[in-house]
N, C-alpha and C. Protein backbone atom coordinates (compact mmCIF):
# COMPACT_ATOMS: atom_id res chain seq x y z
N UNK A 1 17.08 -12.69 -2.95
CA UNK A 1 16.95 -11.26 -2.49
C UNK A 1 17.98 -11.70 -0.84
N UNK A 2 18.51 -10.42 -0.50
CA UNK A 2 19.00 -11.13 1.04
C UNK A 2 17.80 -10.42 2.31
N UNK A 3 18.45 -11.35 3.17
CA UNK A 3 17.67 -10.82 4.11
C UNK A 3 18.17 -9.87 5.32
N UNK A 4 17.76 -9.06 5.98
CA UNK A 4 17.97 -8.01 6.71
C UNK A 4 17.98 -8.91 8.25
N UNK A 5 18.40 -8.98 9.37
CA UNK A 5 18.46 -9.11 10.66
C UNK A 5 17.70 -7.97 11.00
N UNK A 6 16.98 -8.39 12.18
CA UNK A 6 16.10 -7.72 12.28
C UNK A 6 16.19 -6.58 13.12
N UNK A 7 17.36 -6.31 13.36
CA UNK A 7 17.70 -5.04 14.00
C UNK A 7 17.97 -4.29 13.05
N UNK A 8 18.90 -4.77 11.45
CA UNK A 8 19.40 -4.23 10.47
C UNK A 8 18.25 -3.32 9.65
N UNK A 9 16.96 -4.27 9.73
CA UNK A 9 15.70 -3.78 9.11
C UNK A 9 14.96 -2.67 10.49
N UNK A 10 15.02 -2.66 11.34
CA UNK A 10 14.74 -1.70 12.70
C UNK A 10 15.28 -0.60 11.74
N UNK A 11 17.06 -0.14 12.14
CA UNK A 11 17.85 0.74 11.97
C UNK A 11 17.81 1.59 10.49
N UNK A 12 17.27 0.52 9.42
CA UNK A 12 16.79 1.05 7.90
C UNK A 12 15.55 1.54 7.86
N UNK A 13 14.51 1.10 9.16
CA UNK A 13 13.19 1.55 8.72
C UNK A 13 13.05 3.22 9.39
N UNK A 14 14.43 3.42 10.59
CA UNK A 14 14.42 4.60 11.57
C UNK A 14 14.92 5.90 10.31
N UNK A 15 16.10 5.12 9.28
CA UNK A 15 16.57 6.20 8.73
C UNK A 15 16.14 6.76 7.66
N UNK A 16 15.03 5.70 6.75
CA UNK A 16 13.59 6.23 5.78
C UNK A 16 12.72 7.07 6.95
N UNK A 17 12.53 7.31 7.80
CA UNK A 17 11.27 7.35 8.87
C UNK A 17 11.78 9.26 8.83
N UNK A 18 13.29 9.24 9.17
CA UNK A 18 14.36 10.53 9.50
C UNK A 18 14.48 11.49 8.15
N UNK A 19 14.74 10.37 7.14
CA UNK A 19 15.61 10.80 6.41
C UNK A 19 15.03 11.53 5.20
N UNK A 20 13.70 10.52 4.95
CA UNK A 20 12.78 10.93 3.89
C UNK A 20 11.22 11.05 4.48
N UNK A 21 10.78 11.04 5.70
CA UNK A 21 9.13 11.27 5.83
C UNK A 21 9.32 12.75 6.67
N UNK A 22 10.64 12.54 7.18
CA UNK A 22 10.50 13.74 8.44
C UNK A 22 10.22 15.08 7.39
N UNK A 23 10.71 15.54 6.78
CA UNK A 23 10.53 16.61 5.70
C UNK A 23 9.68 16.62 4.99
N UNK A 24 8.62 15.58 4.82
CA UNK A 24 7.16 15.95 4.07
C UNK A 24 6.36 16.48 4.53
N UNK A 25 6.87 16.94 5.93
CA UNK A 25 5.89 18.04 6.35
C UNK A 25 4.09 17.15 6.71
N UNK A 26 3.91 15.78 7.05
CA UNK A 26 2.96 14.72 7.50
C UNK A 26 1.98 15.27 8.41
N UNK A 27 1.09 15.19 8.64
CA UNK A 27 0.48 15.26 9.95
C UNK A 27 1.54 14.77 10.70
N UNK A 28 1.46 14.89 12.33
CA UNK A 28 2.18 13.86 13.30
C UNK A 28 1.17 12.53 12.86
N UNK A 29 0.32 12.07 12.91
CA UNK A 29 -0.06 11.18 13.28
C UNK A 29 -0.22 10.02 11.80
N UNK A 30 0.49 11.07 9.94
CA UNK A 30 0.52 9.77 9.76
C UNK A 30 2.07 10.21 9.51
N UNK A 31 2.68 10.69 10.03
CA UNK A 31 4.28 10.35 10.40
C UNK A 31 4.46 9.31 11.24
N UNK A 32 3.65 9.23 12.48
CA UNK A 32 3.96 7.37 13.10
C UNK A 32 3.50 6.92 12.49
N UNK A 33 2.27 6.51 11.77
CA UNK A 33 1.12 5.61 11.04
C UNK A 33 2.25 5.03 10.03
N UNK A 34 3.12 5.64 8.83
CA UNK A 34 3.62 5.43 8.13
C UNK A 34 5.01 4.09 8.01
N UNK A 35 5.75 4.23 9.77
CA UNK A 35 6.65 3.40 9.86
C UNK A 35 5.81 2.34 10.79
N UNK A 36 4.99 2.63 11.50
CA UNK A 36 3.85 1.40 11.75
C UNK A 36 3.74 0.61 11.16
N UNK A 37 3.29 0.45 9.73
CA UNK A 37 2.57 -0.13 8.77
C UNK A 37 3.58 -1.06 8.21
N UNK A 38 5.27 -0.18 7.67
CA UNK A 38 6.33 -0.94 7.71
C UNK A 38 6.90 -1.98 8.18
N UNK A 39 6.06 -1.58 9.72
CA UNK A 39 7.14 -2.43 10.79
C UNK A 39 5.90 -3.75 11.03
N UNK A 40 5.08 -3.49 10.44
CA UNK A 40 3.51 -4.49 10.11
C UNK A 40 3.54 -5.62 9.41
N UNK A 41 4.15 -4.50 7.85
CA UNK A 41 4.47 -5.42 6.94
C UNK A 41 5.56 -6.53 6.96
N UNK A 42 6.62 -5.76 7.42
CA UNK A 42 7.75 -6.57 7.49
C UNK A 42 7.54 -7.83 8.52
N UNK A 43 6.35 -8.15 9.61
CA UNK A 43 6.05 -8.93 9.99
C UNK A 43 5.10 -9.75 9.53
N UNK A 44 5.29 -9.33 8.04
CA UNK A 44 3.43 -10.28 7.36
C UNK A 44 2.11 -9.83 8.34
N UNK A 45 1.74 -9.10 8.80
CA UNK A 45 1.06 -8.84 9.60
C UNK A 45 -0.72 -8.17 8.57
N UNK A 46 0.28 -7.98 7.20
CA UNK A 46 -1.00 -7.84 6.16
C UNK A 46 -1.31 -8.83 5.27
N UNK A 47 -0.47 -9.94 5.63
CA UNK A 47 -0.55 -11.14 4.82
C UNK A 47 -1.86 -12.00 5.59
N UNK A 48 -3.01 -11.85 4.92
CA UNK A 48 -4.06 -11.55 5.42
C UNK A 48 -5.26 -12.54 3.57
N UNK A 49 -6.30 -12.95 3.59
CA UNK A 49 -7.03 -13.91 2.60
C UNK A 49 -8.58 -13.86 3.76
N UNK A 50 -9.49 -13.20 2.65
CA UNK A 50 -10.34 -13.72 3.58
C UNK A 50 -11.48 -13.92 1.86
N UNK A 51 -12.56 -14.59 1.98
CA UNK A 51 -13.64 -14.79 1.15
C UNK A 51 -14.63 -13.75 1.42
N UNK A 52 -15.39 -13.06 2.04
CA UNK A 52 -16.44 -12.36 2.59
C UNK A 52 -16.82 -11.18 1.74
N UNK A 53 -15.48 -10.85 0.95
CA UNK A 53 -16.38 -9.74 -0.53
C UNK A 53 -17.20 -11.05 -1.69
N UNK A 54 -16.49 -12.11 -1.93
CA UNK A 54 -17.00 -12.73 -2.98
C UNK A 54 -18.53 -13.55 -1.89
N UNK A 55 -18.47 -13.65 -1.06
CA UNK A 55 -19.51 -14.33 0.09
C UNK A 55 -20.62 -12.85 -0.09
N UNK A 56 -20.13 -12.10 -0.05
CA UNK A 56 -21.38 -11.04 0.39
C UNK A 56 -21.85 -10.40 -1.36
N UNK A 57 -20.99 -9.79 -2.43
CA UNK A 57 -21.23 -9.95 -3.65
C UNK A 57 -21.51 -10.81 -4.56
N UNK A 58 -21.34 -12.00 -4.51
CA UNK A 58 -21.77 -12.97 -5.04
C UNK A 58 -20.44 -13.11 -6.26
N UNK A 59 -19.44 -12.60 -6.32
CA UNK A 59 -18.77 -12.71 -6.98
C UNK A 59 -16.71 -12.36 -6.48
N UNK A 60 -15.88 -12.89 -7.04
CA UNK A 60 -14.32 -12.90 -6.53
C UNK A 60 -14.78 -11.16 -6.00
N UNK A 61 -13.01 -11.09 -5.75
CA UNK A 61 -12.68 -9.68 -4.91
C UNK A 61 -11.73 -9.81 -6.30
N UNK A 62 -11.84 -8.17 -6.66
CA UNK A 62 -10.98 -7.89 -7.69
C UNK A 62 -9.17 -7.92 -7.12
N UNK A 63 -7.95 -7.65 -7.93
CA UNK A 63 -6.63 -8.02 -7.43
C UNK A 63 -7.19 -6.11 -7.77
N UNK A 64 -5.63 -6.27 -6.71
CA UNK A 64 -5.34 -4.39 -7.14
C UNK A 64 -4.43 -4.28 -8.39
N UNK A 65 -4.25 -4.85 -9.25
CA UNK A 65 -3.33 -4.69 -10.19
C UNK A 65 -5.04 -4.93 -11.35
N UNK A 66 -5.62 -5.43 -11.22
CA UNK A 66 -6.67 -5.49 -12.51
C UNK A 66 -7.63 -4.02 -12.05
N UNK A 67 -7.97 -3.71 -10.66
CA UNK A 67 -8.35 -2.90 -9.82
C UNK A 67 -7.81 -1.47 -11.43
N UNK A 68 -6.33 -1.19 -10.83
CA UNK A 68 -6.13 -0.17 -10.72
C UNK A 68 -5.48 -0.16 -13.33
N UNK A 69 -5.52 -1.39 -13.19
CA UNK A 69 -5.76 -1.62 -14.99
C UNK A 69 -7.19 -1.03 -15.45
N UNK A 70 -8.20 -1.07 -14.74
CA UNK A 70 -9.71 -1.00 -15.30
C UNK A 70 -9.90 0.25 -14.77
N UNK A 71 -9.52 0.99 -14.09
CA UNK A 71 -8.96 2.35 -14.15
C UNK A 71 -8.11 3.20 -14.72
N UNK A 72 -7.52 2.62 -15.75
CA UNK A 72 -6.36 3.03 -16.88
C UNK A 72 -7.52 3.22 -17.70
N UNK A 73 -8.15 1.77 -18.10
CA UNK A 73 -9.19 1.82 -18.67
C UNK A 73 -9.78 2.73 -18.59
N UNK A 74 -10.45 3.08 -18.22
CA UNK A 74 -11.62 3.91 -17.98
C UNK A 74 -11.39 5.47 -18.31
N UNK A 75 -9.91 5.78 -17.45
CA UNK A 75 -9.63 7.17 -17.65
C UNK A 75 -9.46 6.77 -19.98
N UNK A 76 -8.82 6.55 -19.66
CA UNK A 76 -8.60 6.12 -21.51
C UNK A 76 -9.78 6.50 -22.05
N UNK A 77 -10.31 5.83 -21.90
CA UNK A 77 -11.95 6.08 -22.68
C UNK A 77 -12.30 7.20 -22.89
N UNK A 78 -12.40 7.95 -21.04
CA UNK A 78 -13.32 9.31 -21.00
C UNK A 78 -12.42 10.12 -21.79
N UNK A 79 -10.98 10.31 -21.84
CA UNK A 79 -10.34 11.15 -22.51
C UNK A 79 -10.73 11.03 -23.67
N UNK A 80 -10.65 10.25 -24.72
CA UNK A 80 -10.93 9.92 -25.91
C UNK A 80 -12.00 10.53 -26.29
N UNK A 81 -13.52 10.65 -25.43
CA UNK A 81 -14.61 10.65 -25.31
C UNK A 81 -14.81 12.51 -25.53
N UNK A 82 -14.09 13.20 -24.36
CA UNK A 82 -13.81 14.62 -24.86
C UNK A 82 -14.40 14.60 -23.62
N UNK A 83 -14.38 13.68 -22.24
CA UNK A 83 -15.02 14.11 -21.24
C UNK A 83 -13.85 13.99 -20.12
N UNK A 84 -12.77 14.23 -20.37
CA UNK A 84 -11.86 14.17 -19.19
C UNK A 84 -11.03 15.34 -19.17
C-alpha cells in the first residue's frame, strides 16, 4: 500500500468532504465531525485497547466482526420463525 504524504492526505480528505459529504444534507455538526474522525483515524488516535469490558463483565469484549455475524444469525433465525 502506498503511503500518502500528509498534505496529499489532507487534500484527499478535503475533496471527499466537498464532493461526497456536502451533497448528503448532513446536519452541520455531522458534516464537520466526519472529516474530524477521518483525521483522527489517519493519525491512529482511535487505535486503543482496553480490558475494561472484561473487567466489568467477566468475559472478553466481542469484536465488531463477531457482533455483526451474530446479529446476522439472529436476523436469519427470526425470519425463519416468521417473526421478522
